[in-house]
Amino acid sequence: AVKDFTPVALMAEGPFIVAVKKDAPMKSIADLVAYAKKHPGELNYASSGPGSSNQFATEMMDTAAGIKMTHVPFRGMGPATTALMAGQVDVLVASGPSLLPAINSGKVRSLGITSAKPSAIAPDLKPVADTVPGYDFSLWWGILAPAHTPEAIVNTLNAAIAKVVEDPEMKKFFIREGAESATLSAPQYKQRVKDDIAQWKKVAQQSNITVQK
């Protein structure tokens, strides 16, 4: 991603939602942390597979909160969400589009969002960081070009894309997809890519996360 591409523009970013099965005793992130500390390894959390963003987000939360939950990987987000609704797992950290239908229908319970600040994706939910200081997880969407694309072209594209993502219709589209419009200059976006790769590498090493082969 660093050597073969030139980062052009960030377009949007969005948090995950922390949800638990509907009959779980936890009603808040503080409850979740307290329960997990008292019962280490007892809570099972689902993901869409080994090495998935769900696993990274949850393992980051475990480390930041000083807790330990047991990973139960599924083959895709659909089965993971279904397992939470059926009460087969206790926790799932996933995107708004994946969880909001189940949350709104009362089939699972939402506890918080993973971004450091409140989000329009789920404005009624408080950030996990209110309970677990320093925790911040969001996915982002962006545009990259081939390596060695001329700087003038990159900057022209960056400016054009920044205008597009601020369009009201684009903002509505991103919200439906679980994200909010976001912009960075090309150099800032390039640094974001490098920083995120370093961060996820560290999380993978700390939590022994491996990709399913």
N, C-alpha and C. Protein backbone atom coordinates (compact mmCIF):
# COMPACT_ATOMS: atom_id res chain seq x y z
N ALA A 1 0.82 -1.22 0.00
CA ALA A 1 0.00 0.00 0.00
C ALA A 1 0.85 1.26 0.00
N VAL A 2 2.04 1.19 0.58
CA VAL A 2 2.92 2.36 0.63
C VAL A 2 3.77 2.47 -0.62
N LYS A 3 4.33 1.34 -1.09
CA LYS A 3 5.25 1.38 -2.22
C LYS A 3 4.56 1.41 -3.57
N ASP A 4 3.40 0.76 -3.68
CA ASP A 4 2.78 0.55 -4.99
C ASP A 4 1.68 1.55 -5.32
N PHE A 5 1.32 2.40 -4.35
CA PHE A 5 0.24 3.35 -4.59
C PHE A 5 0.62 4.74 -4.09
N THR A 6 -0.07 5.72 -4.63
CA THR A 6 0.04 7.10 -4.16
C THR A 6 -1.28 7.50 -3.54
N PRO A 7 -1.34 7.74 -2.23
CA PRO A 7 -2.59 8.18 -1.60
C PRO A 7 -3.04 9.53 -2.18
N VAL A 8 -4.28 9.59 -2.62
CA VAL A 8 -4.81 10.80 -3.26
C VAL A 8 -5.73 11.58 -2.33
N ALA A 9 -6.77 10.92 -1.81
CA ALA A 9 -7.75 11.66 -1.01
C ALA A 9 -8.53 10.73 -0.10
N LEU A 10 -8.73 11.17 1.12
CA LEU A 10 -9.68 10.51 2.02
C LEU A 10 -11.08 10.93 1.61
N MET A 11 -12.05 10.04 1.74
CA MET A 11 -13.43 10.35 1.35
C MET A 11 -14.39 10.31 2.54
N ALA A 12 -14.23 9.30 3.38
CA ALA A 12 -15.17 9.15 4.50
C ALA A 12 -14.55 8.25 5.55
N GLU A 13 -15.06 8.35 6.77
CA GLU A 13 -14.67 7.42 7.82
C GLU A 13 -15.85 7.22 8.76
N GLY A 14 -15.88 6.05 9.39
CA GLY A 14 -17.00 5.75 10.26
C GLY A 14 -16.64 4.77 11.35
N PRO A 15 -17.30 4.88 12.49
CA PRO A 15 -17.02 4.01 13.62
C PRO A 15 -17.77 2.70 13.52
N PHE A 16 -17.41 1.78 14.38
CA PHE A 16 -18.19 0.57 14.61
C PHE A 16 -19.10 0.81 15.82
N ILE A 17 -20.05 -0.09 15.98
CA ILE A 17 -20.93 -0.08 17.15
C ILE A 17 -20.61 -1.31 17.99
N VAL A 18 -20.58 -1.12 19.30
CA VAL A 18 -20.39 -2.24 20.23
C VAL A 18 -21.78 -2.71 20.65
N ALA A 19 -22.09 -3.97 20.37
CA ALA A 19 -23.41 -4.51 20.70
C ALA A 19 -23.27 -5.82 21.47
N VAL A 20 -24.29 -6.13 22.25
CA VAL A 20 -24.33 -7.38 23.01
C VAL A 20 -25.67 -8.06 22.76
N LYS A 21 -25.75 -9.34 23.08
CA LYS A 21 -27.01 -10.06 22.92
C LYS A 21 -28.07 -9.43 23.82
N LYS A 22 -29.32 -9.53 23.42
CA LYS A 22 -30.38 -8.76 24.05
C LYS A 22 -30.60 -9.07 25.52
N ASP A 23 -30.28 -10.30 25.95
CA ASP A 23 -30.50 -10.64 27.36
C ASP A 23 -29.21 -10.57 28.19
N ALA A 24 -28.18 -9.93 27.63
CA ALA A 24 -26.93 -9.76 28.37
C ALA A 24 -27.16 -8.83 29.56
N PRO A 25 -26.45 -9.02 30.66
CA PRO A 25 -26.64 -8.16 31.83
C PRO A 25 -26.04 -6.78 31.66
N MET A 26 -25.22 -6.57 30.62
CA MET A 26 -24.54 -5.29 30.42
C MET A 26 -25.45 -4.27 29.74
N LYS A 27 -25.52 -3.08 30.33
CA LYS A 27 -26.33 -2.01 29.76
C LYS A 27 -25.47 -0.83 29.28
N SER A 28 -24.17 -0.90 29.50
CA SER A 28 -23.26 0.17 29.12
C SER A 28 -21.86 -0.39 28.91
N ILE A 29 -20.99 0.41 28.32
CA ILE A 29 -19.60 -0.01 28.16
C ILE A 29 -18.95 -0.24 29.52
N ALA A 30 -19.28 0.59 30.48
CA ALA A 30 -18.75 0.40 31.84
C ALA A 30 -19.16 -0.95 32.40
N ASP A 31 -20.40 -1.34 32.16
CA ASP A 31 -20.87 -2.66 32.60
C ASP A 31 -20.09 -3.77 31.92
N LEU A 32 -19.86 -3.61 30.62
CA LEU A 32 -19.14 -4.62 29.85
C LEU A 32 -17.72 -4.79 30.39
N VAL A 33 -17.04 -3.68 30.61
CA VAL A 33 -15.67 -3.72 31.12
C VAL A 33 -15.63 -4.36 32.50
N ALA A 34 -16.55 -3.96 33.37
CA ALA A 34 -16.59 -4.49 34.73
C ALA A 34 -16.84 -6.00 34.72
N TYR A 35 -17.79 -6.44 33.88
CA TYR A 35 -18.11 -7.87 33.81
C TYR A 35 -16.91 -8.66 33.28
N ALA A 36 -16.28 -8.14 32.22
CA ALA A 36 -15.16 -8.85 31.62
C ALA A 36 -13.97 -8.93 32.56
N LYS A 37 -13.78 -7.90 33.38
CA LYS A 37 -12.68 -7.95 34.35
C LYS A 37 -12.96 -8.97 35.44
N LYS A 38 -14.21 -9.10 35.81
CA LYS A 38 -14.59 -10.05 36.86
C LYS A 38 -14.62 -11.48 36.33
N HIS A 39 -14.88 -11.62 35.02
CA HIS A 39 -14.98 -12.96 34.41
C HIS A 39 -14.09 -13.03 33.18
N PRO A 40 -12.78 -13.00 33.34
CA PRO A 40 -11.87 -12.98 32.19
C PRO A 40 -12.05 -14.21 31.28
N GLY A 41 -12.19 -13.94 29.98
CA GLY A 41 -12.32 -15.01 29.00
C GLY A 41 -13.69 -15.61 28.87
N GLU A 42 -14.62 -15.23 29.77
CA GLU A 42 -15.95 -15.84 29.75
C GLU A 42 -16.80 -15.30 28.60
N LEU A 43 -16.69 -14.01 28.32
CA LEU A 43 -17.48 -13.41 27.25
C LEU A 43 -16.89 -13.80 25.89
N ASN A 44 -17.76 -14.22 24.97
CA ASN A 44 -17.35 -14.55 23.61
C ASN A 44 -17.72 -13.42 22.66
N TYR A 45 -16.76 -12.99 21.85
CA TYR A 45 -17.09 -11.97 20.86
C TYR A 45 -16.96 -12.55 19.45
N ALA A 46 -17.88 -12.16 18.60
CA ALA A 46 -17.91 -12.65 17.22
C ALA A 46 -17.13 -11.72 16.30
N SER A 47 -16.71 -12.27 15.17
CA SER A 47 -16.13 -11.46 14.10
C SER A 47 -16.49 -12.10 12.78
N SER A 48 -16.22 -11.38 11.70
CA SER A 48 -16.52 -11.93 10.37
C SER A 48 -15.39 -12.83 9.87
N GLY A 49 -14.39 -13.05 10.71
CA GLY A 49 -13.31 -13.96 10.34
C GLY A 49 -11.99 -13.56 10.95
N PRO A 50 -11.03 -14.46 11.00
CA PRO A 50 -9.70 -14.13 11.54
C PRO A 50 -9.03 -13.01 10.76
N GLY A 51 -8.47 -12.05 11.47
CA GLY A 51 -7.81 -10.94 10.81
C GLY A 51 -8.76 -9.87 10.30
N SER A 52 -10.04 -9.98 10.64
CA SER A 52 -11.03 -9.01 10.18
C SER A 52 -10.95 -7.71 10.98
N SER A 53 -11.55 -6.67 10.44
CA SER A 53 -11.58 -5.39 11.15
C SER A 53 -12.33 -5.51 12.47
N ASN A 54 -13.32 -6.41 12.52
CA ASN A 54 -14.06 -6.63 13.77
C ASN A 54 -13.13 -7.15 14.86
N GLN A 55 -12.28 -8.09 14.48
CA GLN A 55 -11.34 -8.64 15.46
C GLN A 55 -10.36 -7.57 15.92
N PHE A 56 -9.84 -6.79 14.99
CA PHE A 56 -8.91 -5.73 15.36
C PHE A 56 -9.56 -4.73 16.32
N ALA A 57 -10.77 -4.30 16.00
CA ALA A 57 -11.46 -3.32 16.84
C ALA A 57 -11.69 -3.85 18.24
N THR A 58 -12.07 -5.13 18.35
CA THR A 58 -12.37 -5.71 19.65
C THR A 58 -11.10 -5.98 20.45
N GLU A 59 -10.07 -6.46 19.79
CA GLU A 59 -8.81 -6.70 20.49
C GLU A 59 -8.18 -5.39 20.98
N MET A 60 -8.34 -4.33 20.18
CA MET A 60 -7.88 -3.01 20.62
C MET A 60 -8.62 -2.58 21.89
N MET A 61 -9.92 -2.82 21.92
CA MET A 61 -10.72 -2.46 23.09
C MET A 61 -10.30 -3.29 24.30
N ASP A 62 -10.08 -4.59 24.08
CA ASP A 62 -9.62 -5.46 25.17
C ASP A 62 -8.33 -4.92 25.78
N THR A 63 -7.37 -4.60 24.92
CA THR A 63 -6.07 -4.12 25.40
C THR A 63 -6.21 -2.80 26.14
N ALA A 64 -6.96 -1.87 25.56
CA ALA A 64 -7.12 -0.55 26.17
C ALA A 64 -7.85 -0.62 27.50
N ALA A 65 -8.80 -1.54 27.62
CA ALA A 65 -9.60 -1.65 28.84
C ALA A 65 -9.00 -2.61 29.85
N GLY A 66 -7.98 -3.37 29.44
CA GLY A 66 -7.38 -4.34 30.34
C GLY A 66 -8.27 -5.53 30.61
N ILE A 67 -8.99 -5.98 29.56
CA ILE A 67 -9.90 -7.11 29.71
C ILE A 67 -9.53 -8.18 28.69
N LYS A 68 -10.18 -9.34 28.80
CA LYS A 68 -9.95 -10.42 27.84
C LYS A 68 -11.26 -11.10 27.51
N MET A 69 -11.63 -11.05 26.23
CA MET A 69 -12.79 -11.79 25.74
C MET A 69 -12.29 -12.84 24.75
N THR A 70 -13.10 -13.87 24.52
CA THR A 70 -12.71 -14.98 23.65
C THR A 70 -13.24 -14.78 22.24
N HIS A 71 -12.36 -14.89 21.26
CA HIS A 71 -12.71 -14.65 19.86
C HIS A 71 -13.40 -15.87 19.25
N VAL A 72 -14.55 -15.62 18.62
CA VAL A 72 -15.27 -16.67 17.89
C VAL A 72 -15.45 -16.18 16.45
N PRO A 73 -14.58 -16.61 15.53
CA PRO A 73 -14.67 -16.14 14.14
C PRO A 73 -15.76 -16.86 13.35
N PHE A 74 -16.43 -16.11 12.47
CA PHE A 74 -17.42 -16.68 11.57
C PHE A 74 -16.99 -16.42 10.13
N ARG A 75 -17.67 -17.03 9.21
CA ARG A 75 -17.35 -16.84 7.79
C ARG A 75 -18.25 -15.74 7.22
N GLY A 76 -17.96 -14.51 7.62
CA GLY A 76 -18.73 -13.38 7.11
C GLY A 76 -19.52 -12.69 8.20
N MET A 77 -19.92 -11.45 7.89
CA MET A 77 -20.64 -10.65 8.88
C MET A 77 -22.07 -11.15 9.09
N GLY A 78 -22.70 -11.69 8.06
CA GLY A 78 -24.06 -12.19 8.21
C GLY A 78 -24.16 -13.26 9.30
N PRO A 79 -23.35 -14.32 9.21
CA PRO A 79 -23.39 -15.34 10.27
C PRO A 79 -23.01 -14.80 11.65
N ALA A 80 -22.08 -13.85 11.70
CA ALA A 80 -21.68 -13.28 13.00
C ALA A 80 -22.84 -12.53 13.63
N THR A 81 -23.55 -11.73 12.82
CA THR A 81 -24.68 -10.97 13.34
C THR A 81 -25.82 -11.91 13.75
N THR A 82 -26.05 -12.93 12.94
CA THR A 82 -27.09 -13.90 13.27
C THR A 82 -26.79 -14.61 14.59
N ALA A 83 -25.53 -14.92 14.82
CA ALA A 83 -25.13 -15.59 16.06
C ALA A 83 -25.38 -14.69 17.27
N LEU A 84 -25.15 -13.39 17.12
CA LEU A 84 -25.41 -12.45 18.22
C LEU A 84 -26.91 -12.38 18.49
N MET A 85 -27.71 -12.28 17.43
CA MET A 85 -29.16 -12.21 17.60
C MET A 85 -29.71 -13.48 18.26
N ALA A 86 -29.08 -14.62 17.97
CA ALA A 86 -29.53 -15.90 18.54
C ALA A 86 -28.99 -16.12 19.94
N GLY A 87 -28.12 -15.21 20.40
CA GLY A 87 -27.56 -15.36 21.74
C GLY A 87 -26.46 -16.39 21.83
N GLN A 88 -25.89 -16.78 20.67
CA GLN A 88 -24.83 -17.78 20.65
C GLN A 88 -23.48 -17.19 21.02
N VAL A 89 -23.35 -15.87 20.86
CA VAL A 89 -22.17 -15.13 21.30
C VAL A 89 -22.65 -13.93 22.11
N ASP A 90 -21.73 -13.34 22.86
CA ASP A 90 -22.12 -12.25 23.77
C ASP A 90 -21.93 -10.86 23.18
N VAL A 91 -20.90 -10.68 22.36
CA VAL A 91 -20.51 -9.35 21.92
C VAL A 91 -20.18 -9.36 20.43
N LEU A 92 -20.50 -8.27 19.76
CA LEU A 92 -20.08 -8.07 18.37
C LEU A 92 -19.81 -6.58 18.17
N VAL A 93 -18.64 -6.29 17.65
CA VAL A 93 -18.26 -4.91 17.32
C VAL A 93 -18.25 -4.83 15.80
N ALA A 94 -19.19 -4.07 15.22
CA ALA A 94 -19.34 -4.07 13.76
C ALA A 94 -19.92 -2.74 13.28
N SER A 95 -20.03 -2.61 11.98
CA SER A 95 -20.49 -1.35 11.38
C SER A 95 -21.97 -1.10 11.63
N GLY A 96 -22.36 0.16 11.44
CA GLY A 96 -23.76 0.53 11.58
C GLY A 96 -24.68 -0.26 10.67
N PRO A 97 -24.38 -0.35 9.36
CA PRO A 97 -25.26 -1.11 8.47
C PRO A 97 -25.40 -2.56 8.88
N SER A 98 -24.36 -3.14 9.49
CA SER A 98 -24.43 -4.53 9.91
C SER A 98 -25.30 -4.72 11.14
N LEU A 99 -25.27 -3.75 12.06
CA LEU A 99 -25.93 -3.93 13.36
C LEU A 99 -27.21 -3.14 13.57
N LEU A 100 -27.36 -1.99 12.92
CA LEU A 100 -28.50 -1.12 13.23
C LEU A 100 -29.86 -1.79 13.00
N PRO A 101 -30.05 -2.59 11.93
CA PRO A 101 -31.36 -3.26 11.80
C PRO A 101 -31.69 -4.14 13.00
N ALA A 102 -30.71 -4.88 13.50
CA ALA A 102 -30.95 -5.75 14.66
C ALA A 102 -31.13 -4.91 15.93
N ILE A 103 -30.41 -3.81 16.03
CA ILE A 103 -30.55 -2.92 17.19
C ILE A 103 -31.93 -2.29 17.20
N ASN A 104 -32.33 -1.74 16.06
CA ASN A 104 -33.61 -1.03 15.98
C ASN A 104 -34.81 -1.96 16.18
N SER A 105 -34.63 -3.25 15.87
CA SER A 105 -35.72 -4.20 16.06
C SER A 105 -35.70 -4.83 17.45
N GLY A 106 -34.73 -4.44 18.26
CA GLY A 106 -34.66 -4.96 19.63
C GLY A 106 -34.07 -6.35 19.74
N LYS A 107 -33.43 -6.84 18.68
CA LYS A 107 -32.88 -8.19 18.71
C LYS A 107 -31.50 -8.25 19.36
N VAL A 108 -30.82 -7.09 19.41
CA VAL A 108 -29.56 -6.98 20.14
C VAL A 108 -29.54 -5.62 20.83
N ARG A 109 -28.60 -5.42 21.74
CA ARG A 109 -28.53 -4.17 22.48
C ARG A 109 -27.21 -3.44 22.17
N SER A 110 -27.30 -2.16 21.85
CA SER A 110 -26.10 -1.37 21.57
C SER A 110 -25.59 -0.72 22.85
N LEU A 111 -24.26 -0.66 22.97
CA LEU A 111 -23.66 -0.08 24.17
C LEU A 111 -22.87 1.20 23.89
N GLY A 112 -22.29 1.31 22.70
CA GLY A 112 -21.48 2.49 22.41
C GLY A 112 -20.90 2.43 21.01
N ILE A 113 -20.16 3.47 20.64
CA ILE A 113 -19.50 3.51 19.35
C ILE A 113 -17.99 3.60 19.55
N THR A 114 -17.24 3.19 18.54
CA THR A 114 -15.81 3.05 18.69
C THR A 114 -15.00 4.30 18.37
N SER A 115 -15.62 5.32 17.78
CA SER A 115 -14.90 6.55 17.49
C SER A 115 -14.68 7.35 18.77
N ALA A 116 -13.67 8.21 18.77
CA ALA A 116 -13.34 8.98 19.98
C ALA A 116 -14.40 10.02 20.30
N LYS A 117 -15.15 10.43 19.27
CA LYS A 117 -16.19 11.44 19.46
C LYS A 117 -17.54 10.88 19.00
N PRO A 118 -18.65 11.50 19.44
CA PRO A 118 -19.97 11.06 18.96
C PRO A 118 -20.05 11.09 17.44
N SER A 119 -20.90 10.24 16.89
CA SER A 119 -21.00 10.13 15.44
C SER A 119 -22.45 10.22 14.98
N ALA A 120 -22.64 10.80 13.79
CA ALA A 120 -23.98 10.88 13.20
C ALA A 120 -24.50 9.50 12.81
N ILE A 121 -23.64 8.49 12.78
CA ILE A 121 -24.06 7.14 12.44
C ILE A 121 -25.04 6.63 13.49
N ALA A 122 -24.74 6.92 14.74
CA ALA A 122 -25.59 6.52 15.86
C ALA A 122 -25.49 7.61 16.92
N PRO A 123 -26.16 8.74 16.69
CA PRO A 123 -25.98 9.92 17.55
C PRO A 123 -26.36 9.72 19.01
N ASP A 124 -27.15 8.71 19.31
CA ASP A 124 -27.56 8.49 20.70
C ASP A 124 -26.54 7.68 21.50
N LEU A 125 -25.54 7.14 20.83
CA LEU A 125 -24.56 6.30 21.52
C LEU A 125 -23.33 7.09 21.94
N LYS A 126 -22.83 6.77 23.11
CA LYS A 126 -21.62 7.43 23.62
C LYS A 126 -20.38 6.68 23.16
N PRO A 127 -19.27 7.39 22.96
CA PRO A 127 -18.02 6.73 22.58
C PRO A 127 -17.50 5.80 23.67
N VAL A 128 -16.91 4.70 23.24
CA VAL A 128 -16.25 3.79 24.19
C VAL A 128 -15.19 4.55 24.98
N ALA A 129 -14.57 5.54 24.34
CA ALA A 129 -13.50 6.32 24.96
C ALA A 129 -13.96 7.06 26.22
N ASP A 130 -15.26 7.29 26.37
CA ASP A 130 -15.75 7.91 27.60
C ASP A 130 -15.47 7.02 28.81
N THR A 131 -15.41 5.72 28.57
CA THR A 131 -15.14 4.75 29.63
C THR A 131 -13.72 4.21 29.55
N VAL A 132 -13.23 4.05 28.31
CA VAL A 132 -11.89 3.49 28.07
C VAL A 132 -11.04 4.57 27.41
N PRO A 133 -10.38 5.42 28.19
CA PRO A 133 -9.63 6.54 27.63
C PRO A 133 -8.60 6.11 26.57
N GLY A 134 -8.58 6.87 25.48
CA GLY A 134 -7.60 6.60 24.43
C GLY A 134 -8.08 5.66 23.34
N TYR A 135 -9.21 4.98 23.57
CA TYR A 135 -9.68 4.03 22.55
C TYR A 135 -10.32 4.79 21.40
N ASP A 136 -9.93 4.45 20.19
CA ASP A 136 -10.47 5.12 19.00
C ASP A 136 -10.29 4.20 17.80
N PHE A 137 -11.40 3.77 17.22
CA PHE A 137 -11.35 2.90 16.04
C PHE A 137 -12.36 3.38 15.02
N SER A 138 -11.89 3.62 13.82
CA SER A 138 -12.78 3.95 12.70
C SER A 138 -12.21 3.35 11.42
N LEU A 139 -13.11 2.96 10.54
CA LEU A 139 -12.70 2.57 9.20
C LEU A 139 -12.73 3.80 8.30
N TRP A 140 -11.89 3.81 7.27
CA TRP A 140 -11.96 4.92 6.33
C TRP A 140 -11.98 4.43 4.89
N TRP A 141 -12.48 5.28 4.04
CA TRP A 141 -12.56 5.01 2.60
C TRP A 141 -11.79 6.10 1.88
N GLY A 142 -11.00 5.73 0.90
CA GLY A 142 -10.21 6.73 0.20
C GLY A 142 -9.86 6.31 -1.20
N ILE A 143 -9.18 7.22 -1.90
CA ILE A 143 -8.78 6.99 -3.29
C ILE A 143 -7.26 6.96 -3.35
N LEU A 144 -6.74 5.96 -4.06
CA LEU A 144 -5.31 5.86 -4.30
C LEU A 144 -5.05 5.78 -5.79
N ALA A 145 -3.88 6.23 -6.21
CA ALA A 145 -3.48 6.17 -7.61
C ALA A 145 -2.21 5.33 -7.71
N PRO A 146 -1.81 4.99 -8.93
CA PRO A 146 -0.56 4.23 -9.07
C PRO A 146 0.63 4.99 -8.48
N ALA A 147 1.64 4.25 -8.10
CA ALA A 147 2.85 4.87 -7.58
C ALA A 147 3.43 5.84 -8.60
N HIS A 148 4.04 6.90 -8.10
CA HIS A 148 4.72 7.91 -8.93
C HIS A 148 3.76 8.77 -9.75
N THR A 149 2.49 8.79 -9.39
CA THR A 149 1.58 9.73 -10.06
C THR A 149 2.07 11.16 -9.76
N PRO A 150 2.15 12.03 -10.76
CA PRO A 150 2.67 13.38 -10.54
C PRO A 150 1.92 14.14 -9.45
N GLU A 151 2.64 14.89 -8.65
CA GLU A 151 2.07 15.61 -7.52
C GLU A 151 0.97 16.57 -7.96
N ALA A 152 1.14 17.23 -9.10
CA ALA A 152 0.14 18.18 -9.57
C ALA A 152 -1.20 17.48 -9.84
N ILE A 153 -1.14 16.29 -10.40
CA ILE A 153 -2.37 15.52 -10.67
C ILE A 153 -3.01 15.09 -9.35
N VAL A 154 -2.19 14.62 -8.42
CA VAL A 154 -2.69 14.19 -7.11
C VAL A 154 -3.41 15.35 -6.42
N ASN A 155 -2.80 16.53 -6.43
CA ASN A 155 -3.39 17.68 -5.75
C ASN A 155 -4.68 18.14 -6.43
N THR A 156 -4.73 18.07 -7.76
CA THR A 156 -5.95 18.44 -8.49
C THR A 156 -7.08 17.48 -8.14
N LEU A 157 -6.78 16.21 -8.13
CA LEU A 157 -7.79 15.20 -7.77
C LEU A 157 -8.24 15.37 -6.32
N ASN A 158 -7.30 15.63 -5.44
CA ASN A 158 -7.63 15.80 -4.03
C ASN A 158 -8.63 16.94 -3.83
N ALA A 159 -8.39 18.06 -4.50
CA ALA A 159 -9.28 19.22 -4.37
C ALA A 159 -10.67 18.91 -4.94
N ALA A 160 -10.72 18.20 -6.06
CA ALA A 160 -12.00 17.87 -6.69
C ALA A 160 -12.80 16.90 -5.83
N ILE A 161 -12.10 15.89 -5.29
CA ILE A 161 -12.78 14.89 -4.45
C ILE A 161 -13.29 15.53 -3.16
N ALA A 162 -12.52 16.46 -2.60
CA ALA A 162 -12.94 17.15 -1.38
C ALA A 162 -14.27 17.88 -1.59
N LYS A 163 -14.47 18.43 -2.77
CA LYS A 163 -15.74 19.11 -3.08
C LYS A 163 -16.87 18.10 -3.21
N VAL A 164 -16.58 16.97 -3.84
CA VAL A 164 -17.61 15.96 -4.07
C VAL A 164 -18.13 15.40 -2.75
N VAL A 165 -17.23 15.08 -1.81
CA VAL A 165 -17.66 14.42 -0.58
C VAL A 165 -18.41 15.37 0.35
N GLU A 166 -18.34 16.66 0.07
CA GLU A 166 -19.09 17.63 0.88
C GLU A 166 -20.48 17.89 0.31
N ASP A 167 -20.77 17.30 -0.84
CA ASP A 167 -22.10 17.44 -1.44
C ASP A 167 -23.14 16.79 -0.51
N PRO A 168 -24.27 17.46 -0.27
CA PRO A 168 -25.28 16.92 0.65
C PRO A 168 -25.74 15.51 0.30
N GLU A 169 -25.89 15.21 -0.98
CA GLU A 169 -26.32 13.88 -1.37
C GLU A 169 -25.25 12.82 -1.07
N MET A 170 -23.99 13.21 -1.25
CA MET A 170 -22.90 12.29 -0.92
C MET A 170 -22.86 12.03 0.58
N LYS A 171 -23.09 13.09 1.36
CA LYS A 171 -23.10 12.93 2.81
C LYS A 171 -24.19 11.96 3.25
N LYS A 172 -25.36 12.08 2.63
CA LYS A 172 -26.47 11.16 2.94
C LYS A 172 -26.10 9.73 2.57
N PHE A 173 -25.45 9.58 1.40
CA PHE A 173 -25.04 8.25 0.95
C PHE A 173 -24.08 7.62 1.95
N PHE A 174 -23.09 8.39 2.39
CA PHE A 174 -22.10 7.85 3.33
C PHE A 174 -22.76 7.46 4.65
N ILE A 175 -23.69 8.27 5.13
CA ILE A 175 -24.38 7.95 6.38
C ILE A 175 -25.09 6.60 6.26
N ARG A 176 -25.75 6.37 5.12
CA ARG A 176 -26.43 5.09 4.91
C ARG A 176 -25.44 3.93 4.92
N GLU A 177 -24.20 4.21 4.53
CA GLU A 177 -23.17 3.18 4.49
C GLU A 177 -22.38 3.09 5.80
N GLY A 178 -22.78 3.87 6.80
CA GLY A 178 -22.12 3.81 8.09
C GLY A 178 -20.89 4.67 8.22
N ALA A 179 -20.84 5.77 7.46
CA ALA A 179 -19.66 6.64 7.49
C ALA A 179 -20.08 8.09 7.37
N GLU A 180 -19.12 8.97 7.64
CA GLU A 180 -19.33 10.41 7.46
C GLU A 180 -18.26 10.96 6.52
N SER A 181 -18.63 11.96 5.73
CA SER A 181 -17.66 12.57 4.83
C SER A 181 -16.46 13.09 5.61
N ALA A 182 -15.28 12.91 5.03
CA ALA A 182 -14.05 13.37 5.68
C ALA A 182 -13.02 13.72 4.62
N THR A 183 -12.22 14.71 4.89
CA THR A 183 -11.19 15.13 3.94
C THR A 183 -9.85 15.32 4.63
N LEU A 184 -8.79 15.09 3.87
CA LEU A 184 -7.42 15.38 4.28
C LEU A 184 -6.66 15.84 3.04
N SER A 185 -5.62 16.61 3.23
CA SER A 185 -4.75 16.92 2.10
C SER A 185 -4.04 15.64 1.68
N ALA A 186 -3.49 15.62 0.48
CA ALA A 186 -2.79 14.42 0.01
C ALA A 186 -1.63 14.02 0.93
N PRO A 187 -0.79 14.97 1.38
CA PRO A 187 0.28 14.58 2.31
C PRO A 187 -0.26 14.05 3.64
N GLN A 188 -1.34 14.64 4.13
CA GLN A 188 -1.94 14.16 5.38
C GLN A 188 -2.50 12.75 5.22
N TYR A 189 -3.12 12.50 4.09
CA TYR A 189 -3.68 11.18 3.83
C TYR A 189 -2.57 10.14 3.69
N LYS A 190 -1.48 10.52 3.05
CA LYS A 190 -0.33 9.63 2.92
C LYS A 190 0.20 9.24 4.29
N GLN A 191 0.28 10.21 5.20
CA GLN A 191 0.76 9.93 6.55
C GLN A 191 -0.23 9.05 7.30
N ARG A 192 -1.53 9.27 7.06
CA ARG A 192 -2.56 8.46 7.70
C ARG A 192 -2.40 6.99 7.32
N VAL A 193 -2.15 6.73 6.05
CA VAL A 193 -1.96 5.36 5.58
C VAL A 193 -0.77 4.72 6.29
N LYS A 194 0.34 5.43 6.35
CA LYS A 194 1.54 4.90 7.00
C LYS A 194 1.29 4.65 8.48
N ASP A 195 0.66 5.61 9.15
CA ASP A 195 0.41 5.49 10.59
C ASP A 195 -0.51 4.31 10.89
N ASP A 196 -1.54 4.14 10.06
CA ASP A 196 -2.50 3.06 10.30
C ASP A 196 -1.86 1.69 10.10
N ILE A 197 -1.02 1.57 9.08
CA ILE A 197 -0.34 0.30 8.86
C ILE A 197 0.51 -0.06 10.07
N ALA A 198 1.23 0.92 10.60
CA ALA A 198 2.07 0.70 11.78
C ALA A 198 1.22 0.33 12.99
N GLN A 199 0.08 1.01 13.14
CA GLN A 199 -0.80 0.74 14.28
C GLN A 199 -1.37 -0.68 14.21
N TRP A 200 -1.88 -1.07 13.04
CA TRP A 200 -2.50 -2.39 12.92
C TRP A 200 -1.47 -3.50 13.04
N LYS A 201 -0.26 -3.25 12.59
CA LYS A 201 0.82 -4.22 12.75
C LYS A 201 1.09 -4.45 14.24
N LYS A 202 1.10 -3.36 14.99
CA LYS A 202 1.34 -3.46 16.44
C LYS A 202 0.22 -4.23 17.12
N VAL A 203 -1.04 -3.93 16.76
CA VAL A 203 -2.18 -4.63 17.35
C VAL A 203 -2.13 -6.12 17.01
N ALA A 204 -1.79 -6.44 15.76
CA ALA A 204 -1.72 -7.83 15.33
C ALA A 204 -0.68 -8.60 16.14
N GLN A 205 0.45 -7.96 16.38
CA GLN A 205 1.51 -8.61 17.15
C GLN A 205 1.13 -8.78 18.60
N GLN A 206 0.53 -7.74 19.18
CA GLN A 206 0.15 -7.79 20.59
C GLN A 206 -0.92 -8.85 20.85
N SER A 207 -1.86 -8.96 19.93
CA SER A 207 -3.01 -9.86 20.14
C SER A 207 -2.88 -11.18 19.37
N ASN A 208 -1.73 -11.37 18.71
CA ASN A 208 -1.49 -12.61 17.96
C ASN A 208 -2.57 -12.85 16.92
N ILE A 209 -2.90 -11.80 16.16
CA ILE A 209 -3.92 -11.90 15.11
C ILE A 209 -3.26 -12.39 13.83
N THR A 210 -3.84 -13.41 13.23
CA THR A 210 -3.34 -13.94 11.97
C THR A 210 -4.49 -14.00 10.95
N VAL A 211 -4.14 -13.89 9.69
CA VAL A 211 -5.14 -13.93 8.62
C VAL A 211 -5.45 -15.37 8.27
N GLN A 212 -6.75 -15.64 8.05
CA GLN A 212 -7.16 -17.00 7.66
C GLN A 212 -6.69 -17.30 6.26
N LYS A 213 -6.08 -18.48 6.06
CA LYS A 213 -5.55 -18.85 4.74
C LYS A 213 -6.37 -19.98 4.14
